[in-house]
Amino acid sequence: MLAKVERLIDKGEKLTPEERKLLSLMTHLIQDFEHQHYQLNASTPRGILLELMEARDVKASQLWQVFGSKGTASEVISGKRGISKAQAKSLARFFNVSPELFI
């Protein structure tokens, strides 16, 4: 469903009224699902990152490029460093979620 939402978002202003309604519905369903199954809003940005990594079977090495280096990824994942706004945007693109989860 996330891939379909992304395709609709990519259409931008070219969405038909039906597609706008579908996008709204799908977004709502995804948010409800994540809230019920992951409790993402009740956690810290690091906790959300760890939960998403576990839920999607993502290894730390897969995030090196997102953070720009192995060291930075390691420090964020271990909690020694916070997540910057730029990193939050990169993580949001990687996991296909809102950047607000990491801020």
Protein backbone atom coordinates (compact mmCIF):
# COMPACT_ATOMS: atom_id res chain seq x y z
CA MET A 1 0.00 0.00 0.00
CA LEU A 2 2.93 2.32 0.73
CA ALA A 3 4.17 1.91 -2.83
CA LYS A 4 0.74 2.84 -4.21
CA VAL A 5 0.58 5.91 -1.97
CA GLU A 6 4.02 6.94 -3.17
CA ARG A 7 2.94 6.61 -6.82
CA LEU A 8 -0.08 8.80 -6.16
CA ILE A 9 2.03 11.40 -4.34
CA ASP A 10 4.45 11.45 -7.28
CA LYS A 11 1.60 12.51 -9.57
CA GLY A 12 1.35 15.77 -7.64
CA GLU A 13 -1.17 18.20 -9.10
CA LYS A 14 -2.19 15.72 -11.81
CA LEU A 15 -4.32 13.67 -9.40
CA THR A 16 -7.96 13.19 -10.33
CA PRO A 17 -10.60 13.88 -7.65
CA GLU A 18 -11.00 10.12 -7.23
CA GLU A 19 -7.26 9.65 -6.79
CA ARG A 20 -7.20 12.42 -4.16
CA LYS A 21 -9.89 10.62 -2.18
CA LEU A 22 -8.09 7.30 -2.59
CA LEU A 23 -4.81 8.85 -1.43
CA SER A 24 -6.52 10.33 1.62
CA LEU A 25 -8.17 7.02 2.48
CA MET A 26 -4.98 5.00 2.02
CA THR A 27 -2.97 7.46 4.11
CA HIS A 28 -5.55 7.24 6.88
CA LEU A 29 -5.52 3.42 6.77
CA ILE A 30 -1.71 3.31 6.93
CA GLN A 31 -1.66 5.69 9.89
CA ASP A 32 -4.30 3.64 11.71
CA PHE A 33 -2.38 0.42 11.04
CA GLU A 34 0.92 1.87 12.29
CA HIS A 35 -0.76 3.31 15.36
CA GLN A 36 -2.41 -0.02 16.24
CA HIS A 37 0.58 -2.24 15.51
CA TYR A 38 3.67 -0.17 16.16
CA GLN A 39 2.71 2.56 18.66
CA LEU A 40 5.17 4.84 16.85
CA ASN A 41 3.83 8.08 18.29
CA ALA A 42 4.47 6.93 21.87
CA SER A 43 8.21 6.56 21.39
CA THR A 44 11.35 8.63 20.99
CA PRO A 45 12.81 9.28 17.50
CA ARG A 46 15.49 6.66 18.22
CA GLY A 47 12.86 4.21 19.46
CA ILE A 48 10.86 4.72 16.29
CA LEU A 49 13.97 4.12 14.20
CA LEU A 50 14.72 0.90 16.07
CA GLU A 51 11.11 -0.27 15.77
CA LEU A 52 11.06 0.39 12.03
CA MET A 53 14.39 -1.36 11.58
CA GLU A 54 13.09 -4.42 13.40
CA ALA A 55 9.68 -4.45 11.70
CA ARG A 56 11.22 -4.17 8.24
CA ASP A 57 14.31 -6.29 8.92
CA VAL A 58 16.70 -3.42 8.17
CA LYS A 59 20.31 -3.80 9.27
CA ALA A 60 22.46 -0.91 10.47
CA SER A 61 24.68 -1.33 7.42
CA GLN A 62 21.70 -0.55 5.19
CA LEU A 63 21.44 2.87 6.85
CA TRP A 64 25.06 3.96 6.36
CA GLN A 65 24.16 5.77 3.15
CA VAL A 66 21.12 7.40 4.78
CA PHE A 67 23.30 8.89 7.53
CA GLY A 68 26.31 9.55 5.31
CA SER A 69 28.73 7.34 7.20
CA LYS A 70 29.06 4.16 9.19
CA GLY A 71 30.14 6.09 12.30
CA THR A 72 27.18 8.47 12.29
CA ALA A 73 24.72 5.63 11.73
CA SER A 74 26.27 3.70 14.62
CA GLU A 75 26.13 6.70 16.97
CA VAL A 76 22.47 7.43 16.16
CA ILE A 77 21.41 3.80 16.48
CA SER A 78 23.25 3.40 19.79
CA GLY A 79 21.74 6.62 21.17
CA LYS A 80 25.02 8.54 21.42
CA ARG A 81 23.80 11.10 18.87
CA GLY A 82 20.37 12.51 18.08
CA ILE A 83 18.70 12.56 14.68
CA SER A 84 19.10 15.84 12.79
CA LYS A 85 16.33 17.32 10.63
CA ALA A 86 18.23 16.40 7.45
CA GLN A 87 18.68 12.83 8.71
CA ALA A 88 14.97 12.70 9.67
CA LYS A 89 14.07 13.57 6.07
CA SER A 90 16.44 10.93 4.71
CA LEU A 91 15.08 8.31 7.11
CA ALA A 92 11.51 9.25 6.16
CA ARG A 93 12.30 8.68 2.48
CA PHE A 94 14.06 5.40 3.25
CA PHE A 95 11.20 4.03 5.38
CA ASN A 96 8.45 5.84 3.45
CA VAL A 97 7.02 7.51 6.57
CA SER A 98 6.57 11.06 7.81
CA PRO A 99 9.78 12.89 8.85
CA GLU A 100 7.87 14.07 11.95
CA LEU A 101 8.38 10.61 13.46
CA PHE A 102 12.11 11.27 13.77
CA ILE A 103 12.00 14.84 15.08
